[in-house]
Amino acid sequence: MEQFSTELAEVDPVRLRIDFEFLKTLKPNINENEARKKLYEIYKKIDVALKRWIETTDKGGLAQE
């Protein structure tokens, strides 16, 4: 979960590099700035979703192991 954040400065640079290199493999001439911008948007959504999911499981909302 620490890989993602709603704050740009807190996004894990390794996570960003892995994802960007994957995208670059699919489209070698990808615009790096635009790709990073889109990845940050995705990371924000993932961060919010993970935090909600963890809050729900902590409150017993989902089946726990």
PDB file of N, CA and C in Angstrom:
ATOM      1  N   MET A   1       0.816  -1.183   0.000  1.00  0.00           N
ATOM      2  CA  MET A   1       0.000   0.000   0.000  1.00  0.00           C
ATOM      3  C   MET A   1       0.869   1.260   0.000  1.00  0.00           C
ATOM      4  N   GLU A   2       2.050   1.181   0.573  1.00  0.00           N
ATOM      5  CA  GLU A   2       2.919   2.351   0.655  1.00  0.00           C
ATOM      6  C   GLU A   2       3.441   2.793  -0.711  1.00  0.00           C
ATOM      7  N   GLN A   3       3.270   1.950  -1.727  1.00  0.00           N
ATOM      8  CA  GLN A   3       3.727   2.296  -3.068  1.00  0.00           C
ATOM      9  C   GLN A   3       2.896   3.410  -3.686  1.00  0.00           C
ATOM     10  N   PHE A   4       1.647   3.498  -3.275  1.00  0.00           N
ATOM     11  CA  PHE A   4       0.699   4.424  -3.869  1.00  0.00           C
ATOM     12  C   PHE A   4       0.374   5.545  -2.887  1.00  0.00           C
ATOM     13  N   SER A   5      -0.050   6.686  -3.417  1.00  0.00           N
ATOM     14  CA  SER A   5      -0.394   7.802  -2.553  1.00  0.00           C
ATOM     15  C   SER A   5      -1.248   8.801  -3.322  1.00  0.00           C
ATOM     16  N   THR A   6      -2.016   9.566  -2.577  1.00  0.00           N
ATOM     17  CA  THR A   6      -2.745  10.665  -3.199  1.00  0.00           C
ATOM     18  C   THR A   6      -1.827  11.880  -3.335  1.00  0.00           C
ATOM     19  N   GLU A   7      -0.662  11.802  -2.721  1.00  0.00           N
ATOM     20  CA  GLU A   7       0.333  12.883  -2.790  1.00  0.00           C
ATOM     21  C   GLU A   7       1.451  12.481  -3.755  1.00  0.00           C
ATOM     22  N   LEU A   8       1.655  13.279  -4.754  1.00  0.00           N
ATOM     23  CA  LEU A   8       2.655  13.005  -5.778  1.00  0.00           C
ATOM     24  C   LEU A   8       4.035  12.715  -5.191  1.00  0.00           C
ATOM     25  N   ALA A   9       4.452  13.500  -4.227  1.00  0.00           N
ATOM     26  CA  ALA A   9       5.783  13.357  -3.638  1.00  0.00           C
ATOM     27  C   ALA A   9       5.947  12.054  -2.855  1.00  0.00           C
ATOM     28  N   GLU A  10       4.847  11.410  -2.496  1.00  0.00           N
ATOM     29  CA  GLU A  10       4.916  10.193  -1.680  1.00  0.00           C
ATOM     30  C   GLU A  10       4.802   8.904  -2.485  1.00  0.00           C
ATOM     31  N   VAL A  11       4.610   9.021  -3.802  1.00  0.00           N
ATOM     32  CA  VAL A  11       4.540   7.823  -4.640  1.00  0.00           C
ATOM     33  C   VAL A  11       5.926   7.186  -4.684  1.00  0.00           C
ATOM     34  N   ASP A  12       5.964   5.875  -4.541  1.00  0.00           N
ATOM     35  CA  ASP A  12       7.228   5.141  -4.560  1.00  0.00           C
ATOM     36  C   ASP A  12       7.874   5.274  -5.952  1.00  0.00           C
ATOM     37  N   PRO A  13       9.083   5.830  -6.028  1.00  0.00           N
ATOM     38  CA  PRO A  13       9.729   6.015  -7.325  1.00  0.00           C
ATOM     39  C   PRO A  13      10.034   4.696  -8.044  1.00  0.00           C
ATOM     40  N   VAL A  14      10.257   3.645  -7.289  1.00  0.00           N
ATOM     41  CA  VAL A  14      10.513   2.335  -7.896  1.00  0.00           C
ATOM     42  C   VAL A  14       9.236   1.823  -8.557  1.00  0.00           C
ATOM     43  N   ARG A  15       8.106   1.960  -7.878  1.00  0.00           N
ATOM     44  CA  ARG A  15       6.817   1.562  -8.452  1.00  0.00           C
ATOM     45  C   ARG A  15       6.562   2.319  -9.756  1.00  0.00           C
ATOM     46  N   LEU A  16       6.811   3.624  -9.730  1.00  0.00           N
ATOM     47  CA  LEU A  16       6.608   4.460 -10.910  1.00  0.00           C
ATOM     48  C   LEU A  16       7.508   4.014 -12.063  1.00  0.00           C
ATOM     49  N   ARG A  17       8.754   3.737 -11.754  1.00  0.00           N
ATOM     50  CA  ARG A  17       9.703   3.324 -12.799  1.00  0.00           C
ATOM     51  C   ARG A  17       9.288   1.998 -13.412  1.00  0.00           C
ATOM     52  N   ILE A  18       8.885   1.033 -12.590  1.00  0.00           N
ATOM     53  CA  ILE A  18       8.447  -0.280 -13.090  1.00  0.00           C
ATOM     54  C   ILE A  18       7.259  -0.105 -14.024  1.00  0.00           C
ATOM     55  N   ASP A  19       6.284   0.652 -13.584  1.00  0.00           N
ATOM     56  CA  ASP A  19       5.081   0.843 -14.396  1.00  0.00           C
ATOM     57  C   ASP A  19       5.381   1.608 -15.678  1.00  0.00           C
ATOM     58  N   PHE A  20       6.221   2.619 -15.587  1.00  0.00           N
ATOM     59  CA  PHE A  20       6.560   3.387 -16.783  1.00  0.00           C
ATOM     60  C   PHE A  20       7.319   2.519 -17.779  1.00  0.00           C
ATOM     61  N   GLU A  21       8.275   1.738 -17.319  1.00  0.00           N
ATOM     62  CA  GLU A  21       9.032   0.862 -18.221  1.00  0.00           C
ATOM     63  C   GLU A  21       8.125  -0.174 -18.875  1.00  0.00           C
ATOM     64  N   PHE A  22       7.142  -0.663 -18.142  1.00  0.00           N
ATOM     65  CA  PHE A  22       6.172  -1.596 -18.721  1.00  0.00           C
ATOM     66  C   PHE A  22       5.404  -0.911 -19.857  1.00  0.00           C
ATOM     67  N   LEU A  23       4.919   0.306 -19.604  1.00  0.00           N
ATOM     68  CA  LEU A  23       4.201   1.051 -20.638  1.00  0.00           C
ATOM     69  C   LEU A  23       5.098   1.336 -21.843  1.00  0.00           C
ATOM     70  N   LYS A  24       6.345   1.639 -21.579  1.00  0.00           N
ATOM     71  CA  LYS A  24       7.300   1.924 -22.639  1.00  0.00           C
ATOM     72  C   LYS A  24       7.553   0.692 -23.508  1.00  0.00           C
ATOM     73  N   THR A  25       7.494  -0.472 -22.892  1.00  0.00           N
ATOM     74  CA  THR A  25       7.651  -1.715 -23.641  1.00  0.00           C
ATOM     75  C   THR A  25       6.482  -1.889 -24.614  1.00  0.00           C
ATOM     76  N   LEU A  26       5.294  -1.534 -24.153  1.00  0.00           N
ATOM     77  CA  LEU A  26       4.110  -1.650 -25.005  1.00  0.00           C
ATOM     78  C   LEU A  26       4.067  -0.579 -26.089  1.00  0.00           C
ATOM     79  N   LYS A  27       4.557   0.610 -25.755  1.00  0.00           N
ATOM     80  CA  LYS A  27       4.534   1.733 -26.703  1.00  0.00           C
ATOM     81  C   LYS A  27       5.841   2.521 -26.543  1.00  0.00           C
ATOM     82  N   PRO A  28       6.882   2.126 -27.300  1.00  0.00           N
ATOM     83  CA  PRO A  28       8.207   2.738 -27.139  1.00  0.00           C
ATOM     84  C   PRO A  28       8.257   4.259 -27.276  1.00  0.00           C
ATOM     85  N   ASN A  29       7.386   4.853 -28.060  1.00  0.00           N
ATOM     86  CA  ASN A  29       7.437   6.306 -28.253  1.00  0.00           C
ATOM     87  C   ASN A  29       6.458   7.052 -27.345  1.00  0.00           C
ATOM     88  N   ILE A  30       6.099   6.443 -26.233  1.00  0.00           N
ATOM     89  CA  ILE A  30       5.142   7.044 -25.303  1.00  0.00           C
ATOM     90  C   ILE A  30       5.688   8.361 -24.745  1.00  0.00           C
ATOM     91  N   ASN A  31       4.805   9.307 -24.565  1.00  0.00           N
ATOM     92  CA  ASN A  31       5.177  10.591 -23.976  1.00  0.00           C
ATOM     93  C   ASN A  31       5.353  10.367 -22.469  1.00  0.00           C
ATOM     94  N   GLU A  32       6.576  10.540 -21.986  1.00  0.00           N
ATOM     95  CA  GLU A  32       6.886  10.234 -20.583  1.00  0.00           C
ATOM     96  C   GLU A  32       6.092  11.098 -19.612  1.00  0.00           C
ATOM     97  N   ASN A  33       6.004  12.375 -19.866  1.00  0.00           N
ATOM     98  CA  ASN A  33       5.270  13.256 -18.953  1.00  0.00           C
ATOM     99  C   ASN A  33       3.792  12.893 -18.882  1.00  0.00           C
ATOM    100  N   GLU A  34       3.194  12.634 -20.034  1.00  0.00           N
ATOM    101  CA  GLU A  34       1.779  12.276 -20.065  1.00  0.00           C
ATOM    102  C   GLU A  34       1.552  10.928 -19.371  1.00  0.00           C
ATOM    103  N   ALA A  35       2.440   9.981 -19.596  1.00  0.00           N
ATOM    104  CA  ALA A  35       2.313   8.663 -18.970  1.00  0.00           C
ATOM    105  C   ALA A  35       2.419   8.771 -17.451  1.00  0.00           C
ATOM    106  N   ARG A  36       3.366   9.544 -16.967  1.00  0.00           N
ATOM    107  CA  ARG A  36       3.525   9.721 -15.519  1.00  0.00           C
ATOM    108  C   ARG A  36       2.290  10.381 -14.912  1.00  0.00           C
ATOM    109  N   LYS A  37       1.755  11.357 -15.616  1.00  0.00           N
ATOM    110  CA  LYS A  37       0.552  12.036 -15.146  1.00  0.00           C
ATOM    111  C   LYS A  37      -0.607  11.048 -14.989  1.00  0.00           C
ATOM    112  N   LYS A  38      -0.776  10.187 -15.988  1.00  0.00           N
ATOM    113  CA  LYS A  38      -1.846   9.187 -15.944  1.00  0.00           C
ATOM    114  C   LYS A  38      -1.577   8.154 -14.846  1.00  0.00           C
ATOM    115  N   LEU A  39      -0.333   7.762 -14.685  1.00  0.00           N
ATOM    116  CA  LEU A  39       0.003   6.810 -13.624  1.00  0.00           C
ATOM    117  C   LEU A  39      -0.311   7.409 -12.254  1.00  0.00           C
ATOM    118  N   TYR A  40      -0.007   8.685 -12.045  1.00  0.00           N
ATOM    119  CA  TYR A  40      -0.325   9.330 -10.770  1.00  0.00           C
ATOM    120  C   TYR A  40      -1.831   9.327 -10.521  1.00  0.00           C
ATOM    121  N   GLU A  41      -2.608   9.546 -11.550  1.00  0.00           N
ATOM    122  CA  GLU A  41      -4.068   9.502 -11.406  1.00  0.00           C
ATOM    123  C   GLU A  41      -4.526   8.112 -10.968  1.00  0.00           C
ATOM    124  N   ILE A  42      -3.941   7.096 -11.584  1.00  0.00           N
ATOM    125  CA  ILE A  42      -4.275   5.717 -11.224  1.00  0.00           C
ATOM    126  C   ILE A  42      -3.841   5.424  -9.789  1.00  0.00           C
ATOM    127  N   TYR A  43      -2.639   5.854  -9.413  1.00  0.00           N
ATOM    128  CA  TYR A  43      -2.127   5.616  -8.067  1.00  0.00           C
ATOM    129  C   TYR A  43      -3.026   6.245  -7.008  1.00  0.00           C
ATOM    130  N   LYS A  44      -3.540   7.430  -7.288  1.00  0.00           N
ATOM    131  CA  LYS A  44      -4.453   8.085  -6.341  1.00  0.00           C
ATOM    132  C   LYS A  44      -5.690   7.225  -6.112  1.00  0.00           C
ATOM    133  N   LYS A  45      -6.245   6.701  -7.197  1.00  0.00           N
ATOM    134  CA  LYS A  45      -7.447   5.863  -7.091  1.00  0.00           C
ATOM    135  C   LYS A  45      -7.154   4.573  -6.331  1.00  0.00           C
ATOM    136  N   ILE A  46      -6.010   3.979  -6.617  1.00  0.00           N
ATOM    137  CA  ILE A  46      -5.618   2.754  -5.913  1.00  0.00           C
ATOM    138  C   ILE A  46      -5.427   3.035  -4.430  1.00  0.00           C
ATOM    139  N   ASP A  47      -4.768   4.135  -4.109  1.00  0.00           N
ATOM    140  CA  ASP A  47      -4.522   4.500  -2.709  1.00  0.00           C
ATOM    141  C   ASP A  47      -5.836   4.653  -1.947  1.00  0.00           C
ATOM    142  N   VAL A  48      -6.780   5.375  -2.529  1.00  0.00           N
ATOM    143  CA  VAL A  48      -8.084   5.583  -1.879  1.00  0.00           C
ATOM    144  C   VAL A  48      -8.807   4.252  -1.711  1.00  0.00           C
ATOM    145  N   ALA A  49      -8.809   3.426  -2.755  1.00  0.00           N
ATOM    146  CA  ALA A  49      -9.499   2.139  -2.693  1.00  0.00           C
ATOM    147  C   ALA A  49      -8.883   1.222  -1.632  1.00  0.00           C
ATOM    148  N   LEU A  50      -7.562   1.171  -1.567  1.00  0.00           N
ATOM    149  CA  LEU A  50      -6.901   0.329  -0.575  1.00  0.00           C
ATOM    150  C   LEU A  50      -7.199   0.800   0.848  1.00  0.00           C
ATOM    151  N   LYS A  51      -7.173   2.110   1.054  1.00  0.00           N
ATOM    152  CA  LYS A  51      -7.466   2.638   2.393  1.00  0.00           C
ATOM    153  C   LYS A  51      -8.900   2.329   2.810  1.00  0.00           C
ATOM    154  N   ARG A  52      -9.841   2.453   1.883  1.00  0.00           N
ATOM    155  CA  ARG A  52     -11.238   2.114   2.197  1.00  0.00           C
ATOM    156  C   ARG A  52     -11.379   0.635   2.505  1.00  0.00           C
ATOM    157  N   TRP A  53     -10.703  -0.199   1.712  1.00  0.00           N
ATOM    158  CA  TRP A  53     -10.783  -1.637   1.912  1.00  0.00           C
ATOM    159  C   TRP A  53     -10.212  -2.023   3.271  1.00  0.00           C
ATOM    160  N   ILE A  54      -9.073  -1.435   3.633  1.00  0.00           N
ATOM    161  CA  ILE A  54      -8.449  -1.743   4.921  1.00  0.00           C
ATOM    162  C   ILE A  54      -9.335  -1.270   6.073  1.00  0.00           C
ATOM    163  N   GLU A  55      -9.924  -0.086   5.939  1.00  0.00           N
ATOM    164  CA  GLU A  55     -10.842   0.407   6.968  1.00  0.00           C
ATOM    165  C   GLU A  55     -12.020  -0.545   7.136  1.00  0.00           C
ATOM    166  N   THR A  56     -12.545  -1.043   6.022  1.00  0.00           N
ATOM    167  CA  THR A  56     -13.686  -1.961   6.067  1.00  0.00           C
ATOM    168  C   THR A  56     -13.307  -3.266   6.743  1.00  0.00           C
ATOM    169  N   THR A  57     -12.135  -3.814   6.392  1.00  0.00           N
ATOM    170  CA  THR A  57     -11.726  -5.077   6.985  1.00  0.00           C
ATOM    171  C   THR A  57     -11.388  -4.906   8.463  1.00  0.00           C
ATOM    172  N   ASP A  58     -10.835  -3.747   8.830  1.00  0.00           N
ATOM    173  CA  ASP A  58     -10.530  -3.489  10.233  1.00  0.00           C
ATOM    174  C   ASP A  58     -11.796  -3.420  11.083  1.00  0.00           C
ATOM    175  N   LYS A  59     -12.886  -2.986  10.454  1.00  0.00           N
ATOM    176  CA  LYS A  59     -14.169  -2.877  11.166  1.00  0.00           C
ATOM    177  C   LYS A  59     -14.971  -4.172  11.085  1.00  0.00           C
ATOM    178  N   GLY A  60     -14.403  -5.191  10.453  1.00  0.00           N
ATOM    179  CA  GLY A  60     -15.095  -6.466  10.352  1.00  0.00           C
ATOM    180  C   GLY A  60     -16.122  -6.528   9.228  1.00  0.00           C
ATOM    181  N   GLY A  61     -16.036  -5.622   8.277  1.00  0.00           N
ATOM    182  CA  GLY A  61     -17.006  -5.562   7.182  1.00  0.00           C
ATOM    183  C   GLY A  61     -16.855  -6.676   6.165  1.00  0.00           C
ATOM    184  N   LEU A  62     -15.666  -7.229   6.035  1.00  0.00           N
ATOM    185  CA  LEU A  62     -15.417  -8.323   5.101  1.00  0.00           C
ATOM    186  C   LEU A  62     -14.908  -9.520   5.877  1.00  0.00           C
ATOM    187  N   ALA A  63     -15.000 -10.667   5.247  1.00  0.00           N
ATOM    188  CA  ALA A  63     -14.529 -11.879   5.894  1.00  0.00           C
ATOM    189  C   ALA A  63     -13.039 -11.767   6.189  1.00  0.00           C
ATOM    190  N   GLN A  64     -12.669 -12.115   7.386  1.00  0.00           N
ATOM    191  CA  GLN A  64     -11.266 -12.083   7.774  1.00  0.00           C
ATOM    192  C   GLN A  64     -10.773 -13.497   7.937  1.00  0.00           C
ATOM    193  N   GLU A  65      -9.466 -13.668   7.753  1.00  0.00           N
ATOM    194  CA  GLU A  65      -8.884 -15.015   7.877  1.00  0.00           C
ATOM    195  C   GLU A  65      -8.776 -15.421   9.314  1.00  0.00           C
TER     196      GLU A  65
END
